[in-house]
Amino acid sequence: MREEVTLHGIVLSSSLQSEYDRRMVVLTKERGRITVFASGVRRGTNPLQSKTQMFVMGSFTLIPGRDSYRLVNIDVDEYFHQLTMDIDAYCYASYFCEVMGFMTHEGDRAADYLNLLYVSLKALEKGQMPAKLIRCVYEIKLMDVFGQGIQSFHCPVCGKAEVSNVFDAASGGLLCDGCKGRAKHPLHLSDDAVYTIQYINGAPLGKMYNFNVSDPVLAEIQLVSKQFMDMYVDRKFKSVEIIDSLP
C-alpha cells in the first residue's frame, strides 16, 4: 500500500462519480492540478461530505494512485461559503476555477497559481470591488504569472523602456511611440487605463485588489483583457457565457 501524502490546495471542481462517490479536480501547491476520488462521501454520516465541495481550500491527505489520488481526509482552511450564497460571485468564482484548471497541469509547482486563485476568491467574497473589475485583474495577472503577461513597461516590439497609450494584443502589450504605427489592431487607452494595467502587473498578489476605477476606465480594461485572453488562450470557457449574461 502506498504511503499517504498531504498536499495543500483548492477544489476547482467537484462532480458525482456514483451515488455516494465524488470526483474532484484540485489545484495543489506541491503537485499542480490533480484528480482526487472521494469514496462514500455522500453518505449522510460521512464528515467529509461538506469538505469535498467546490472552492474548499485546505490540506488534503491522499493516497497516490497511477493517474489519480484517493481521498483520506481534508483539514479545511476556507470553505468560501459566501461565494455559494451569491449567484454573481459564484459564477465569477466558477470561471476563475475553470480557467485555472485549463492553464495548469499535474507536476506544476503551483504556489503562485494557488495564491492568485486564493486572493481572487477572497476578493469576490469580500465584495469590496466590482466583480467585473476583479475578473479583469485576475485575467491580466493570470497571464503574467504564467509568463505570457501584457508588456506594460517595455515595448514588446523593440524592448524600449518607454510605452505609449497604444495597446496591441497581437504585439503583446503597450507599444512605444516608434512602434505604435505597426499595431495591427491598435487600442488607444487613457492615461488612467495604462496606469491601471501597470499597477496590476507590478503589484504583489496580496495587494492587487485594493483599488477601484471609473466606469469608463473599467470598460477600457475589460476590452484590453478580453483581447489579450482571446489572443493567447485557445479555449472558450463555458462559464464565460453565464458571466456575460449577468447584468
Foldseek 3Di string as FASTA:
>chain_A
DADKDKWWWFWLAWDDPDPQKIWTWTATQQWGTFIEIEGRCNPPPRPCVLQRHHGWTFIFIWGDDDRHTYGDDTDTDDSLVQCVVDVLSVLLLNVLSVVSVVLMDTRDNCPVVRLLSVLLNVLSSVVPADSLVSSLLSLQVVCVVSPLHAPLQAALPPRHRAFAQWAALVSRHGHHPVCSVVHPDIDGADPVLSVLSVCSNPDDSNPNNDDYDDPVSSVVSSVRSVSNCVVPPPDDDPSVVVNVPDD
